[in-house]
Amino acid sequence: MRYVNVLALLLVIVGAANWLLVGLAKFDLVAAVTGSEFGETNPLSTIVYALVGLSGLWLLPTLARWLTSDRPATAQ
């Protein structure tokens, strides 16, 4: 389960970096890597976007545990 959490966190970070680039530079990193233009999608970019979204949902219980824990957050 730890590896799934690490992969999910990595994908959420990729999504955050992509949105940062979209906001600051109007550059869509996922589109560029998957061979699309800004704002366009293809099957590969759609998969990446879906995995990023699912990763965010997957990490919600982790966030809830961190917020309700009395001890400092550590990697599990």
Protein backbone atom coordinates (compact mmCIF):
# COMPACT_ATOMS: atom_id res chain seq x y z
CA MET A 1 0.00 0.00 0.00
CA ARG A 2 2.91 2.33 0.67
CA TYR A 3 4.00 2.18 -2.97
CA VAL A 4 0.51 3.07 -4.15
CA ASN A 5 0.51 6.10 -1.83
CA VAL A 6 3.92 7.18 -3.13
CA LEU A 7 2.77 6.83 -6.75
CA ALA A 8 -0.44 8.71 -5.96
CA LEU A 9 1.50 11.51 -4.29
CA LEU A 10 3.86 11.73 -7.26
CA LEU A 11 0.93 12.02 -9.66
CA VAL A 12 -0.70 14.70 -7.51
CA ILE A 13 2.58 16.64 -7.56
CA VAL A 14 2.72 16.32 -11.36
CA GLY A 15 -0.84 17.66 -11.51
CA ALA A 16 0.04 20.55 -9.20
CA ALA A 17 3.11 21.42 -11.26
CA ASN A 18 1.02 21.28 -14.43
CA TRP A 19 -1.56 23.68 -12.99
CA LEU A 20 1.20 26.00 -11.80
CA LEU A 21 2.63 26.10 -15.32
CA VAL A 22 -0.83 26.65 -16.81
CA GLY A 23 -1.48 29.51 -14.40
CA LEU A 24 1.88 31.25 -14.70
CA ALA A 25 3.05 30.47 -18.21
CA LYS A 26 -0.02 29.20 -20.07
CA PHE A 27 1.94 25.99 -20.73
CA ASP A 28 0.28 22.58 -20.36
CA LEU A 29 3.07 20.15 -19.46
CA VAL A 30 0.90 17.05 -19.79
CA ALA A 31 -0.27 18.11 -23.25
CA ALA A 32 3.29 18.86 -24.33
CA VAL A 33 4.62 15.50 -23.08
CA THR A 34 1.77 13.56 -24.71
CA GLY A 35 2.03 15.34 -28.06
CA SER A 36 -0.94 17.70 -27.82
CA GLU A 37 -1.27 21.45 -27.95
CA PHE A 38 -2.42 23.56 -24.99
CA GLY A 39 -5.99 22.71 -24.10
CA GLU A 40 -6.17 19.67 -26.39
CA THR A 41 -6.48 16.11 -25.20
CA ASN A 42 -5.63 12.75 -26.66
CA PRO A 43 -6.12 9.27 -25.20
CA LEU A 44 -2.77 9.34 -23.36
CA SER A 45 -3.28 12.79 -21.83
CA THR A 46 -6.80 11.78 -20.82
CA ILE A 47 -5.37 8.80 -18.96
CA VAL A 48 -2.79 11.01 -17.23
CA TYR A 49 -5.44 13.55 -16.17
CA ALA A 50 -7.71 10.75 -14.91
CA LEU A 51 -4.87 9.15 -12.94
CA VAL A 52 -3.99 12.51 -11.36
CA GLY A 53 -7.63 12.99 -10.31
CA LEU A 54 -7.95 9.45 -8.96
CA SER A 55 -4.68 9.92 -7.07
CA GLY A 56 -6.06 13.00 -5.35
CA LEU A 57 -9.14 11.05 -4.28
CA TRP A 58 -6.98 8.11 -3.16
CA LEU A 59 -5.00 10.40 -0.85
CA LEU A 60 -8.05 11.90 0.90
CA PRO A 61 -8.04 9.25 3.68
CA THR A 62 -4.32 9.92 4.19
CA LEU A 63 -5.08 13.61 4.64
CA ALA A 64 -7.86 12.78 7.09
CA ARG A 65 -5.47 10.61 9.13
CA TRP A 66 -2.87 13.38 9.19
CA LEU A 67 -5.41 15.97 10.28
CA THR A 68 -6.83 13.83 13.09
CA SER A 69 -3.52 12.49 14.35
CA ASP A 70 -2.03 13.79 17.61
CA ARG A 71 1.48 12.93 16.51
CA PRO A 72 3.52 14.52 13.70
CA ALA A 73 2.88 13.16 10.20
CA THR A 74 5.30 10.48 9.04
CA ALA A 75 5.54 8.34 5.95
CA GLN A 76 3.68 5.07 6.32
